[in-house]
Amino acid sequence: MRSVEVTQVEGKGICFTCTCSFKLPDEDVLHVQRRGDLREKYKSVLQGVEPEQLKGAQRFGDPR
């Protein structure tokens, strides 16, 4: 893990902090993410709500 703290003027405090974590490559060459049904996962929150009712929400592929 590496951490960098940036200041612009000495004594004025930190204006930017970056922490990076590095990982060795996996031996498995096939990287697959399982598909999930978001409507099922969040059904208690979305119960009775249609996608058109969600302000600011975009459907995948919607060019807005």
C-alpha atoms as a PDB file:
ATOM      1  CA  MET A   1       0.000   0.000   0.000  1.00  0.00           C
ATOM      2  CA  ARG A   2       1.233   3.480  -0.841  1.00  0.00           C
ATOM      3  CA  SER A   3       0.002   6.808   0.444  1.00  0.00           C
ATOM      4  CA  VAL A   4       0.733  10.298  -0.918  1.00  0.00           C
ATOM      5  CA  GLU A   5      -0.194  13.582   0.746  1.00  0.00           C
ATOM      6  CA  VAL A   6       0.104  16.828  -1.219  1.00  0.00           C
ATOM      7  CA  THR A   7       0.404  20.356   0.136  1.00  0.00           C
ATOM      8  CA  GLN A   8       0.651  23.611  -1.796  1.00  0.00           C
ATOM      9  CA  VAL A   9       1.952  25.936   0.889  1.00  0.00           C
ATOM     10  CA  GLU A  10       4.019  24.728   3.836  1.00  0.00           C
ATOM     11  CA  GLY A  11       2.044  24.917   7.055  1.00  0.00           C
ATOM     12  CA  LYS A  12      -1.351  25.356   5.347  1.00  0.00           C
ATOM     13  CA  GLY A  13      -2.354  21.696   5.573  1.00  0.00           C
ATOM     14  CA  ILE A  14      -2.934  18.846   3.193  1.00  0.00           C
ATOM     15  CA  CYS A  15      -4.959  19.584   0.052  1.00  0.00           C
ATOM     16  CA  PHE A  16      -4.927  16.098  -1.514  1.00  0.00           C
ATOM     17  CA  THR A  17      -4.451  12.555  -0.230  1.00  0.00           C
ATOM     18  CA  CYS A  18      -4.144   9.441  -2.368  1.00  0.00           C
ATOM     19  CA  THR A  19      -3.956   5.904  -1.006  1.00  0.00           C
ATOM     20  CA  CYS A  20      -3.298   3.076  -3.460  1.00  0.00           C
ATOM     21  CA  SER A  21      -3.441  -0.633  -2.884  1.00  0.00           C
ATOM     22  CA  PHE A  22      -1.803  -3.037  -5.312  1.00  0.00           C
ATOM     23  CA  LYS A  23      -2.686  -6.662  -5.990  1.00  0.00           C
ATOM     24  CA  LEU A  24      -0.844  -9.394  -7.819  1.00  0.00           C
ATOM     25  CA  PRO A  25      -2.627 -10.713 -10.921  1.00  0.00           C
ATOM     26  CA  ASP A  26      -4.891 -13.715 -10.426  1.00  0.00           C
ATOM     27  CA  GLU A  27      -3.772 -16.996 -11.931  1.00  0.00           C
ATOM     28  CA  ASP A  28      -7.220 -17.462 -13.460  1.00  0.00           C
ATOM     29  CA  VAL A  29      -7.264 -15.901 -16.924  1.00  0.00           C
ATOM     30  CA  LEU A  30     -11.062 -15.927 -17.075  1.00  0.00           C
ATOM     31  CA  HIS A  31     -12.553 -12.974 -15.208  1.00  0.00           C
ATOM     32  CA  VAL A  32     -16.314 -13.212 -14.954  1.00  0.00           C
ATOM     33  CA  GLN A  33     -18.680 -11.182 -12.844  1.00  0.00           C
ATOM     34  CA  ARG A  34     -21.938 -12.858 -11.923  1.00  0.00           C
ATOM     35  CA  ARG A  35     -25.059 -11.209 -13.268  1.00  0.00           C
ATOM     36  CA  GLY A  36     -27.422 -10.088 -10.589  1.00  0.00           C
ATOM     37  CA  ASP A  37     -31.082  -9.206 -10.721  1.00  0.00           C
ATOM     38  CA  LEU A  38     -31.107  -5.715  -9.200  1.00  0.00           C
ATOM     39  CA  ARG A  39     -34.913  -5.605  -9.053  1.00  0.00           C
ATOM     40  CA  GLU A  40     -34.817  -8.778  -6.921  1.00  0.00           C
ATOM     41  CA  LYS A  41     -31.949  -7.540  -4.744  1.00  0.00           C
ATOM     42  CA  TYR A  42     -33.618  -4.187  -4.002  1.00  0.00           C
ATOM     43  CA  LYS A  43     -37.245  -5.319  -4.180  1.00  0.00           C
ATOM     44  CA  SER A  44     -38.051  -3.956  -0.699  1.00  0.00           C
ATOM     45  CA  VAL A  45     -36.993  -0.449  -1.810  1.00  0.00           C
ATOM     46  CA  LEU A  46     -38.373  -0.620  -5.350  1.00  0.00           C
ATOM     47  CA  GLN A  47     -41.654  -2.318  -4.481  1.00  0.00           C
ATOM     48  CA  GLY A  48     -44.371  -0.793  -6.680  1.00  0.00           C
ATOM     49  CA  VAL A  49     -41.979   1.644  -8.390  1.00  0.00           C
ATOM     50  CA  GLU A  50     -41.588   1.537 -12.165  1.00  0.00           C
ATOM     51  CA  PRO A  51     -38.333   2.696 -13.823  1.00  0.00           C
ATOM     52  CA  GLU A  52     -40.132   5.674 -15.389  1.00  0.00           C
ATOM     53  CA  GLN A  53     -40.949   6.948 -11.887  1.00  0.00           C
ATOM     54  CA  LEU A  54     -37.320   7.211 -10.818  1.00  0.00           C
ATOM     55  CA  LYS A  55     -36.240  10.795 -11.437  1.00  0.00           C
ATOM     56  CA  GLY A  56     -32.756  11.117 -12.914  1.00  0.00           C
ATOM     57  CA  ALA A  57     -32.401   7.373 -13.408  1.00  0.00           C
ATOM     58  CA  GLN A  58     -31.286   6.183 -16.806  1.00  0.00           C
ATOM     59  CA  ARG A  59     -31.763   2.777 -18.300  1.00  0.00           C
ATOM     60  CA  PHE A  60     -28.750   0.982 -19.728  1.00  0.00           C
ATOM     61  CA  GLY A  61     -28.237   2.240 -23.271  1.00  0.00           C
ATOM     62  CA  ASP A  62     -30.434   5.327 -22.776  1.00  0.00           C
ATOM     63  CA  PRO A  63     -28.718   8.132 -24.753  1.00  0.00           C
ATOM     64  CA  ARG A  64     -29.827  10.942 -22.414  1.00  0.00           C
END
